[in-house]
C-alpha atoms as a PDB file:
ATOM      1  CA  MET A   1      93.209  98.362 120.436  1.00  0.00           C
ATOM      2  CA  LEU A   2      94.080  94.790 121.415  1.00  0.00           C
ATOM      3  CA  CYS A   3      94.354  93.755 125.043  1.00  0.00           C
ATOM      4  CA  GLN A   4      97.398  91.807 126.164  1.00  0.00           C
ATOM      5  CA  ILE A   5      95.705  88.501 126.981  1.00  0.00           C
ATOM      6  CA  THR A   6      97.451  85.192 126.422  1.00  0.00           C
ATOM      7  CA  ASP A   7      96.010  81.848 125.362  1.00  0.00           C
ATOM      8  CA  ASN A   8      96.965  80.581 128.802  1.00  0.00           C
ATOM      9  CA  GLU A   9      94.744  83.179 130.479  1.00  0.00           C
ATOM     10  CA  ILE A  10      91.820  82.058 128.304  1.00  0.00           C
ATOM     11  CA  GLY A  11      92.434  78.404 129.227  1.00  0.00           C
ATOM     12  CA  GLN A  12      92.683  79.250 132.924  1.00  0.00           C
ATOM     13  CA  GLU A  13      89.533  81.400 132.778  1.00  0.00           C
ATOM     14  CA  LEU A  14      87.564  78.615 131.073  1.00  0.00           C
ATOM     15  CA  MET A  15      88.756  76.124 133.674  1.00  0.00           C
ATOM     16  CA  LYS A  16      87.823  78.522 136.497  1.00  0.00           C
ATOM     17  CA  LEU A  17      84.360  79.245 135.073  1.00  0.00           C
ATOM     18  CA  THR A  18      83.746  75.538 134.483  1.00  0.00           C
ATOM     19  CA  LEU A  19      84.757  74.550 138.024  1.00  0.00           C
ATOM     20  CA  GLU A  20      82.601  77.364 139.443  1.00  0.00           C
ATOM     21  CA  GLN A  21      79.721  76.043 137.282  1.00  0.00           C
ATOM     22  CA  LYS A  22      79.337  79.449 135.628  1.00  0.00           C
ATOM     23  CA  ILE A  23      79.329  78.125 132.059  1.00  0.00           C
ATOM     24  CA  ALA A  24      75.668  77.888 131.107  1.00  0.00           C
ATOM     25  CA  HIS A  25      74.768  75.820 128.086  1.00  0.00           C
ATOM     26  CA  GLY A  26      71.280  74.761 129.082  1.00  0.00           C
ATOM     27  CA  GLY A  27      72.314  71.124 129.504  1.00  0.00           C
ATOM     28  CA  HIS A  28      72.738  70.766 125.749  1.00  0.00           C
ATOM     29  CA  PRO A  29      73.671  67.087 125.273  1.00  0.00           C
ATOM     30  CA  VAL A  30      76.064  67.615 122.340  1.00  0.00           C
ATOM     31  CA  LEU A  31      78.079  70.351 124.078  1.00  0.00           C
ATOM     32  CA  ARG A  32      78.118  68.290 127.289  1.00  0.00           C
ATOM     33  CA  TRP A  33      79.461  65.346 125.261  1.00  0.00           C
ATOM     34  CA  MET A  34      82.110  67.501 123.560  1.00  0.00           C
ATOM     35  CA  MET A  35      83.228  69.039 126.866  1.00  0.00           C
ATOM     36  CA  GLY A  36      83.660  65.505 128.185  1.00  0.00           C
ATOM     37  CA  ASN A  37      85.861  64.621 125.219  1.00  0.00           C
ATOM     38  CA  ILE A  38      88.373  67.425 125.714  1.00  0.00           C
ATOM     39  CA  PHE A  39      91.982  66.611 126.530  1.00  0.00           C
ATOM     40  CA  ALA A  40      93.765  69.653 127.921  1.00  0.00           C
ATOM     41  CA  ARG A  41      97.527  69.723 127.793  1.00  0.00           C
ATOM     42  CA  THR A  42     100.054  72.087 129.273  1.00  0.00           C
ATOM     43  CA  ASP A  43     102.918  73.092 127.015  1.00  0.00           C
ATOM     44  CA  PRO A  44     106.468  73.756 128.292  1.00  0.00           C
ATOM     45  CA  ALA A  45     105.600  77.452 128.799  1.00  0.00           C
ATOM     46  CA  GLY A  46     102.705  76.497 131.109  1.00  0.00           C
ATOM     47  CA  ASN A  47      99.936  77.349 128.619  1.00  0.00           C
ATOM     48  CA  ILE A  48      96.769  75.251 128.879  1.00  0.00           C
ATOM     49  CA  LYS A  49      95.485  74.223 125.453  1.00  0.00           C
ATOM     50  CA  ALA A  50      92.924  71.830 123.981  1.00  0.00           C
ATOM     51  CA  ASP A  51      94.683  68.916 122.275  1.00  0.00           C
ATOM     52  CA  LYS A  52      92.494  67.746 119.399  1.00  0.00           C
ATOM     53  CA  GLU A  53      94.782  64.837 118.504  1.00  0.00           C
ATOM     54  CA  LYS A  54      94.613  63.296 121.984  1.00  0.00           C
ATOM     55  CA  SER A  55      90.907  63.987 122.528  1.00  0.00           C
ATOM     56  CA  ALA A  56      88.752  60.850 122.294  1.00  0.00           C
ATOM     57  CA  GLU A  57      86.004  62.269 120.051  1.00  0.00           C
ATOM     58  CA  LYS A  58      84.833  65.581 118.569  1.00  0.00           C
ATOM     59  CA  ILE A  59      85.620  68.765 120.532  1.00  0.00           C
ATOM     60  CA  ASP A  60      84.580  71.432 118.001  1.00  0.00           C
ATOM     61  CA  GLY A  61      81.880  72.904 120.279  1.00  0.00           C
ATOM     62  CA  THR A  62      84.394  73.192 123.108  1.00  0.00           C
ATOM     63  CA  VAL A  63      86.905  74.921 120.840  1.00  0.00           C
ATOM     64  CA  ALA A  64      84.151  77.316 119.696  1.00  0.00           C
ATOM     65  CA  THR A  65      83.399  78.035 123.376  1.00  0.00           C
ATOM     66  CA  ILE A  66      87.090  78.801 123.983  1.00  0.00           C
ATOM     67  CA  MET A  67      87.151  81.124 120.960  1.00  0.00           C
ATOM     68  CA  ALA A  68      83.977  82.908 122.111  1.00  0.00           C
ATOM     69  CA  LEU A  69      85.400  83.363 125.614  1.00  0.00           C
ATOM     70  CA  ASP A  70      88.601  84.741 124.103  1.00  0.00           C
ATOM     71  CA  ARG A  71      86.593  87.234 122.051  1.00  0.00           C
ATOM     72  CA  ALA A  72      84.486  88.276 125.046  1.00  0.00           C
ATOM     73  CA  ILE A  73      87.519  88.842 127.258  1.00  0.00           C
ATOM     74  CA  ARG A  74      89.575  90.633 124.611  1.00  0.00           C
ATOM     75  CA  CYS A  75      86.836  92.848 123.227  1.00  0.00           C
ATOM     76  CA  GLY A  76      84.109  92.934 125.822  1.00  0.00           C
ATOM     77  CA  ASN A  77      80.977  94.659 124.675  1.00  0.00           C
ATOM     78  CA  GLY A  78      82.116  98.154 123.793  1.00  0.00           C
ATOM     79  CA  SER A  79      78.767  99.076 122.291  1.00  0.00           C
ATOM     80  CA  GLY A  80      77.097  99.717 125.635  1.00  0.00           C
ATOM     81  CA  GLY A  81      75.012  96.549 125.565  1.00  0.00           C
ATOM     82  CA  GLU A  82      73.510  97.131 122.127  1.00  0.00           C
ATOM     83  CA  SER A  83      73.833  94.447 119.500  1.00  0.00           C
ATOM     84  CA  VAL A  84      75.548  95.328 116.227  1.00  0.00           C
ATOM     85  CA  TYR A  85      72.465  93.891 114.514  1.00  0.00           C
ATOM     86  CA  ASN A  86      70.291  96.653 116.020  1.00  0.00           C
ATOM     87  CA  GLU A  87      72.467  99.190 114.229  1.00  0.00           C
ATOM     88  CA  ARG A  88      73.113  97.591 110.835  1.00  0.00           C
ATOM     89  CA  GLY A  89      70.759  94.595 110.615  1.00  0.00           C
ATOM     90  CA  LEU A  90      71.612  91.138 109.290  1.00  0.00           C
ATOM     91  CA  LEU A  91      73.959  90.642 106.376  1.00  0.00           C
ATOM     92  CA  ILE A  92      72.625  88.131 103.870  1.00  0.00           C
ATOM     93  CA  LEU A  93      74.893  86.520 101.295  1.00  0.00           C
END
């Protein structure tokens, strides 16, 4: 079952967590650099989105962070804290 969460809510949540200094990345220099490169734009509907074309440099790590936050908010951890890898192990291709 999918939750009704919009892209705008993800953008607002990331902004809130960032301003509250609740995003922990261990001071990783590449992610810090990518976060500094982000250009956020607001579309006519009021949605906050990362604009890759207007961003000065690479922002891939920031976009991955946004996608991970989206996944965490939409799905949570319905397995009671257990990792899927404890149940099925790693898949090797």
